[in-house]
C-alpha atoms as a PDB file:
ATOM      1  CA  MET A   1      93.817-182.482 116.129  1.00  0.00           C
ATOM      2  CA  ASP A   2      97.329-181.623 115.154  1.00  0.00           C
ATOM      3  CA  MET A   3     100.164-180.459 117.379  1.00  0.00           C
ATOM      4  CA  LEU A   4      99.037-176.827 117.443  1.00  0.00           C
ATOM      5  CA  GLY A   5      95.579-177.728 118.561  1.00  0.00           C
ATOM      6  CA  MET A   6      93.995-176.939 115.188  1.00  0.00           C
ATOM      7  CA  SER A   7      91.786-179.431 113.425  1.00  0.00           C
ATOM      8  CA  LYS A   8      92.445-180.292 109.805  1.00  0.00           C
ATOM      9  CA  THR A   9      89.269-178.410 108.905  1.00  0.00           C
ATOM     10  CA  ASN A  10      90.480-175.233 110.602  1.00  0.00           C
ATOM     11  CA  THR A  11      93.901-175.587 108.956  1.00  0.00           C
ATOM     12  CA  LEU A  12      92.236-175.918 105.571  1.00  0.00           C
ATOM     13  CA  LYS A  13      90.038-172.865 106.262  1.00  0.00           C
ATOM     14  CA  LEU A  14      93.106-170.849 107.285  1.00  0.00           C
ATOM     15  CA  ALA A  15      94.968-171.912 104.138  1.00  0.00           C
ATOM     16  CA  VAL A  16      92.025-170.903 101.921  1.00  0.00           C
ATOM     17  CA  LEU A  17      91.749-167.544 103.735  1.00  0.00           C
ATOM     18  CA  VAL A  18      95.478-166.854 103.248  1.00  0.00           C
ATOM     19  CA  LEU A  19      95.162-167.755  99.569  1.00  0.00           C
ATOM     20  CA  ILE A  20      92.172-165.448  99.079  1.00  0.00           C
ATOM     21  CA  LEU A  21      93.860-162.561 100.895  1.00  0.00           C
ATOM     22  CA  SER A  22      97.059-163.059  98.897  1.00  0.00           C
ATOM     23  CA  GLY A  23      95.094-162.985  95.640  1.00  0.00           C
ATOM     24  CA  ALA A  24      93.212-159.865  96.689  1.00  0.00           C
ATOM     25  CA  ALA A  25      96.464-158.128  97.664  1.00  0.00           C
ATOM     26  CA  TYR A  26      98.016-159.047  94.309  1.00  0.00           C
ATOM     27  CA  LEU A  27      95.025-157.656  92.392  1.00  0.00           C
ATOM     28  CA  ALA A  28      95.040-154.449  94.443  1.00  0.00           C
ATOM     29  CA  TRP A  29      98.762-153.701  94.168  1.00  0.00           C
ATOM     30  CA  ARG A  30      99.817-155.136  90.813  1.00  0.00           C
ATOM     31  CA  GLU A  31     100.804-152.746  88.060  1.00  0.00           C
ATOM     32  CA  ARG A  32      97.735-152.240  85.964  1.00  0.00           C
ATOM     33  CA  SER A  33      97.901-152.382  82.206  1.00  0.00           C
ATOM     34  CA  PRO A  34      97.007-149.119  80.518  1.00  0.00           C
ATOM     35  CA  HIS A  35      93.470-148.603  79.383  1.00  0.00           C
ATOM     36  CA  PRO A  36      93.048-147.216  75.887  1.00  0.00           C
ATOM     37  CA  LEU A  37      92.317-143.516  75.894  1.00  0.00           C
ATOM     38  CA  ALA A  38      88.698-142.787  75.123  1.00  0.00           C
ATOM     39  CA  ILE A  39      86.903-139.718  73.875  1.00  0.00           C
ATOM     40  CA  GLY A  40      86.995-137.070  76.612  1.00  0.00           C
ATOM     41  CA  ASP A  41      90.180-138.400  78.266  1.00  0.00           C
ATOM     42  CA  SER A  42      93.208-136.136  78.640  1.00  0.00           C
ATOM     43  CA  ALA A  43      96.170-137.180  76.538  1.00  0.00           C
ATOM     44  CA  PRO A  44      99.335-137.867  78.527  1.00  0.00           C
ATOM     45  CA  ASP A  45     102.164-135.420  77.966  1.00  0.00           C
ATOM     46  CA  PHE A  46     105.250-136.873  76.311  1.00  0.00           C
ATOM     47  CA  THR A  47     108.673-136.182  74.897  1.00  0.00           C
ATOM     48  CA  VAL A  48     110.213-138.628  72.426  1.00  0.00           C
ATOM     49  CA  ALA A  49     113.171-138.518  70.061  1.00  0.00           C
ATOM     50  CA  ALA A  50     112.371-137.164  66.610  1.00  0.00           C
ATOM     51  CA  VAL A  51     113.467-137.888  63.053  1.00  0.00           C
ATOM     52  CA  PRO A  52     115.859-136.720  61.763  1.00  0.00           C
ATOM     53  CA  SER A  53     116.990-135.266  65.111  1.00  0.00           C
ATOM     54  CA  GLY A  54     115.812-133.449  68.214  1.00  0.00           C
ATOM     55  CA  THR A  55     112.709-134.247  70.207  1.00  0.00           C
ATOM     56  CA  LEU A  56     108.969-134.206  69.734  1.00  0.00           C
ATOM     57  CA  GLU A  57     107.204-132.709  72.758  1.00  0.00           C
ATOM     58  CA  LEU A  58     103.430-132.644  73.064  1.00  0.00           C
ATOM     59  CA  ARG A  59     103.508-129.634  75.411  1.00  0.00           C
ATOM     60  CA  LYS A  60     105.126-127.576  72.621  1.00  0.00           C
ATOM     61  CA  TYR A  61     101.745-127.669  70.892  1.00  0.00           C
ATOM     62  CA  ASP A  62      99.717-126.618  73.931  1.00  0.00           C
ATOM     63  CA  GLN A  63      96.427-124.953  72.966  1.00  0.00           C
ATOM     64  CA  GLU A  64      96.531-126.418  69.434  1.00  0.00           C
ATOM     65  CA  VAL A  65      94.257-128.982  67.848  1.00  0.00           C
ATOM     66  CA  ILE A  66      96.468-132.028  67.326  1.00  0.00           C
ATOM     67  CA  VAL A  67      96.100-135.029  65.055  1.00  0.00           C
ATOM     68  CA  LEU A  68      98.382-137.643  66.646  1.00  0.00           C
ATOM     69  CA  ASN A  69      99.025-140.652  64.405  1.00  0.00           C
ATOM     70  CA  PHE A  70     100.747-143.829  65.659  1.00  0.00           C
ATOM     71  CA  TRP A  71     102.171-145.778  62.723  1.00  0.00           C
ATOM     72  CA  ALA A  72     105.096-147.768  61.254  1.00  0.00           C
ATOM     73  CA  THR A  73     106.846-148.117  57.903  1.00  0.00           C
ATOM     74  CA  TRP A  74     106.393-151.923  58.004  1.00  0.00           C
ATOM     75  CA  CYS A  75     102.613-151.560  58.341  1.00  0.00           C
ATOM     76  CA  PRO A  76     100.940-151.697  54.864  1.00  0.00           C
ATOM     77  CA  PRO A  77      97.796-149.771  55.961  1.00  0.00           C
ATOM     78  CA  CYS A  78     100.049-147.076  57.489  1.00  0.00           C
ATOM     79  CA  VAL A  79     102.018-146.755  54.251  1.00  0.00           C
ATOM     80  CA  GLU A  80      98.756-146.546  52.312  1.00  0.00           C
ATOM     81  CA  GLU A  81      97.467-143.809  54.642  1.00  0.00           C
ATOM     82  CA  ALA A  82     100.657-141.687  54.635  1.00  0.00           C
ATOM     83  CA  PRO A  83     100.111-139.644  51.420  1.00  0.00           C
ATOM     84  CA  SER A  84      96.579-138.550  52.352  1.00  0.00           C
ATOM     85  CA  LEU A  85      97.696-137.703  55.917  1.00  0.00           C
ATOM     86  CA  GLU A  86     100.530-135.537  54.536  1.00  0.00           C
ATOM     87  CA  LYS A  87      98.106-133.744  52.220  1.00  0.00           C
ATOM     88  CA  PHE A  88      95.693-133.297  55.149  1.00  0.00           C
ATOM     89  CA  ALA A  89      98.491-131.889  57.342  1.00  0.00           C
ATOM     90  CA  GLU A  90      99.369-129.290  54.715  1.00  0.00           C
ATOM     91  CA  ARG A  91      95.722-128.363  54.270  1.00  0.00           C
ATOM     92  CA  VAL A  92      94.858-127.861  57.966  1.00  0.00           C
ATOM     93  CA  ARG A  93      98.153-126.298  59.132  1.00  0.00           C
ATOM     94  CA  PRO A  94      96.986-122.726  58.291  1.00  0.00           C
ATOM     95  CA  GLN A  95      93.950-123.257  60.551  1.00  0.00           C
ATOM     96  CA  GLY A  96      96.124-124.046  63.574  1.00  0.00           C
ATOM     97  CA  VAL A  97      95.834-127.827  63.378  1.00  0.00           C
ATOM     98  CA  ILE A  98      99.047-129.748  63.950  1.00  0.00           C
ATOM     99  CA  VAL A  99      99.618-133.283  62.662  1.00  0.00           C
ATOM    100  CA  LEU A 100     102.177-135.272  64.646  1.00  0.00           C
ATOM    101  CA  GLY A 101     103.363-138.756  63.780  1.00  0.00           C
ATOM    102  CA  VAL A 102     104.788-141.267  66.224  1.00  0.00           C
ATOM    103  CA  SER A 103     106.506-144.185  64.541  1.00  0.00           C
ATOM    104  CA  VAL A 104     107.074-147.462  66.355  1.00  0.00           C
ATOM    105  CA  ASP A 105     109.803-148.439  63.880  1.00  0.00           C
ATOM    106  CA  GLU A 106     113.000-149.879  65.361  1.00  0.00           C
ATOM    107  CA  ASP A 107     115.102-149.060  62.273  1.00  0.00           C
ATOM    108  CA  ARG A 108     115.617-145.299  62.425  1.00  0.00           C
ATOM    109  CA  GLU A 109     117.425-145.186  59.057  1.00  0.00           C
ATOM    110  CA  ALA A 110     114.534-146.923  57.307  1.00  0.00           C
ATOM    111  CA  LEU A 111     112.162-144.464  58.962  1.00  0.00           C
ATOM    112  CA  ALA A 112     114.224-141.459  57.821  1.00  0.00           C
ATOM    113  CA  GLY A 113     114.296-142.909  54.294  1.00  0.00           C
ATOM    114  CA  PHE A 114     110.523-143.320  54.337  1.00  0.00           C
ATOM    115  CA  VAL A 115     110.001-139.736  55.527  1.00  0.00           C
ATOM    116  CA  ASP A 116     112.229-138.474  52.702  1.00  0.00           C
ATOM    117  CA  LYS A 117     110.674-140.724  50.047  1.00  0.00           C
ATOM    118  CA  TYR A 118     107.111-139.719  50.908  1.00  0.00           C
ATOM    119  CA  ARG A 119     108.068-136.080  51.617  1.00  0.00           C
ATOM    120  CA  ILE A 120     106.432-136.064  55.029  1.00  0.00           C
ATOM    121  CA  THR A 121     106.650-132.554  56.466  1.00  0.00           C
ATOM    122  CA  TYR A 122     104.870-132.929  59.787  1.00  0.00           C
ATOM    123  CA  PRO A 123     106.971-133.785  62.885  1.00  0.00           C
ATOM    124  CA  ILE A 124     107.715-137.479  63.429  1.00  0.00           C
ATOM    125  CA  GLY A 125     108.633-138.897  66.827  1.00  0.00           C
ATOM    126  CA  VAL A 126     110.070-142.356  67.390  1.00  0.00           C
ATOM    127  CA  ASP A 127     108.813-144.903  69.903  1.00  0.00           C
ATOM    128  CA  PRO A 128     110.644-148.158  69.082  1.00  0.00           C
ATOM    129  CA  GLU A 129     109.864-149.732  72.474  1.00  0.00           C
ATOM    130  CA  ARG A 130     106.188-148.762  72.010  1.00  0.00           C
ATOM    131  CA  ALA A 131     106.144-147.266  75.495  1.00  0.00           C
ATOM    132  CA  LEU A 132     104.251-144.149  74.386  1.00  0.00           C
ATOM    133  CA  ALA A 133     101.873-146.187  72.246  1.00  0.00           C
ATOM    134  CA  ALA A 134     101.140-148.350  75.303  1.00  0.00           C
ATOM    135  CA  ARG A 135     100.468-145.243  77.439  1.00  0.00           C
ATOM    136  CA  PHE A 136      97.778-144.314  74.919  1.00  0.00           C
ATOM    137  CA  GLY A 137      96.515-147.905  74.823  1.00  0.00           C
ATOM    138  CA  THR A 138      97.522-148.308  71.185  1.00  0.00           C
ATOM    139  CA  PHE A 139      98.492-151.795  70.073  1.00  0.00           C
ATOM    140  CA  GLN A 140      97.469-151.849  66.415  1.00  0.00           C
ATOM    141  CA  PHE A 141      98.558-149.490  63.708  1.00  0.00           C
ATOM    142  CA  PRO A 142      97.695-147.013  62.413  1.00  0.00           C
ATOM    143  CA  GLU A 143      95.742-145.418  65.211  1.00  0.00           C
ATOM    144  CA  THR A 144      95.020-141.710  65.417  1.00  0.00           C
ATOM    145  CA  TYR A 145      93.908-139.455  68.255  1.00  0.00           C
ATOM    146  CA  ILE A 146      92.436-136.041  67.533  1.00  0.00           C
ATOM    147  CA  LEU A 147      93.017-133.778  70.514  1.00  0.00           C
ATOM    148  CA  ASP A 148      91.152-130.557  71.179  1.00  0.00           C
ATOM    149  CA  ARG A 149      92.898-127.384  72.359  1.00  0.00           C
ATOM    150  CA  ARG A 150      92.636-128.571  75.996  1.00  0.00           C
ATOM    151  CA  GLY A 151      94.492-131.801  75.200  1.00  0.00           C
ATOM    152  CA  ARG A 152      91.415-134.004  75.443  1.00  0.00           C
ATOM    153  CA  VAL A 153      90.597-136.760  72.975  1.00  0.00           C
ATOM    154  CA  ALA A 154      87.877-135.459  70.657  1.00  0.00           C
ATOM    155  CA  GLU A 155      88.002-138.444  68.306  1.00  0.00           C
ATOM    156  CA  LYS A 156      89.867-141.720  67.976  1.00  0.00           C
ATOM    157  CA  VAL A 157      90.379-143.440  64.641  1.00  0.00           C
ATOM    158  CA  ILE A 158      91.426-147.090  64.719  1.00  0.00           C
ATOM    159  CA  GLY A 159      92.860-148.252  61.415  1.00  0.00           C
ATOM    160  CA  PRO A 160      93.627-146.371  58.224  1.00  0.00           C
ATOM    161  CA  ILE A 161      91.349-143.745  56.752  1.00  0.00           C
ATOM    162  CA  ASN A 162      91.386-141.522  53.726  1.00  0.00           C
ATOM    163  CA  TRP A 163      92.286-138.130  55.165  1.00  0.00           C
ATOM    164  CA  ASP A 164      90.924-136.506  51.986  1.00  0.00           C
ATOM    165  CA  ASP A 165      87.428-137.393  53.219  1.00  0.00           C
ATOM    166  CA  PRO A 166      85.531-134.077  53.515  1.00  0.00           C
ATOM    167  CA  ARG A 167      83.819-135.282  56.715  1.00  0.00           C
ATOM    168  CA  MET A 168      87.167-135.629  58.516  1.00  0.00           C
ATOM    169  CA  LEU A 169      88.369-132.291  57.195  1.00  0.00           C
ATOM    170  CA  SER A 170      85.145-130.625  58.337  1.00  0.00           C
ATOM    171  CA  PHE A 171      85.308-132.282  61.779  1.00  0.00           C
ATOM    172  CA  VAL A 172      88.861-131.072  62.408  1.00  0.00           C
ATOM    173  CA  GLN A 173      88.217-127.583  61.035  1.00  0.00           C
ATOM    174  CA  ASP A 174      85.113-127.247  63.226  1.00  0.00           C
ATOM    175  CA  LEU A 175      87.114-128.427  66.229  1.00  0.00           C
ATOM    176  CA  ALA A 176      89.795-125.822  65.505  1.00  0.00           C
ATOM    177  CA  ARG A 177      87.160-123.076  65.331  1.00  0.00           C
ATOM    178  CA  THR A 178      85.147-124.066  68.387  1.00  0.00           C
ATOM    179  CA  SER A 179      87.487-125.634  70.949  1.00  0.00           C
ATOM    180  CA  GLY A 180      89.355-123.489  73.332  1.00  0.00           C
END
């Protein structure tokens, strides 16, 4: 027995118990990493800076069907997708569908140049620290969330797609007609 009257076995048991409780406390109270949004989840509200100026606020488009595209100018699949997404945005705008882009570019001038070069007309927000992308659970680009009029994820597209695809156009048009 040691000086406190505890055997080495009891001391070892106490040490293991303290270790287990410490680990459990850490797991319970640590900051959890975001989980990717899934179909049916509500999109988090946000306000980010916009290009060329101002802000992009999700709540401004309340009760609209939203196509929210996370992308970057340095991402080849994003660059490849940009022309068809612009064409799609122009095509669905009259039906009350809003396309919003959120760029994770750090170089705002390069982003503005890209927007001008490709004649992108839909609003573009900037998220250089990727804080908003992380809130959505987005870590690869491009990634697109289609939100219904209640702000819930109706579809999630990971990677680039051809927005001229009639199936995507039909899906979004049907969502605009039926959600509400």
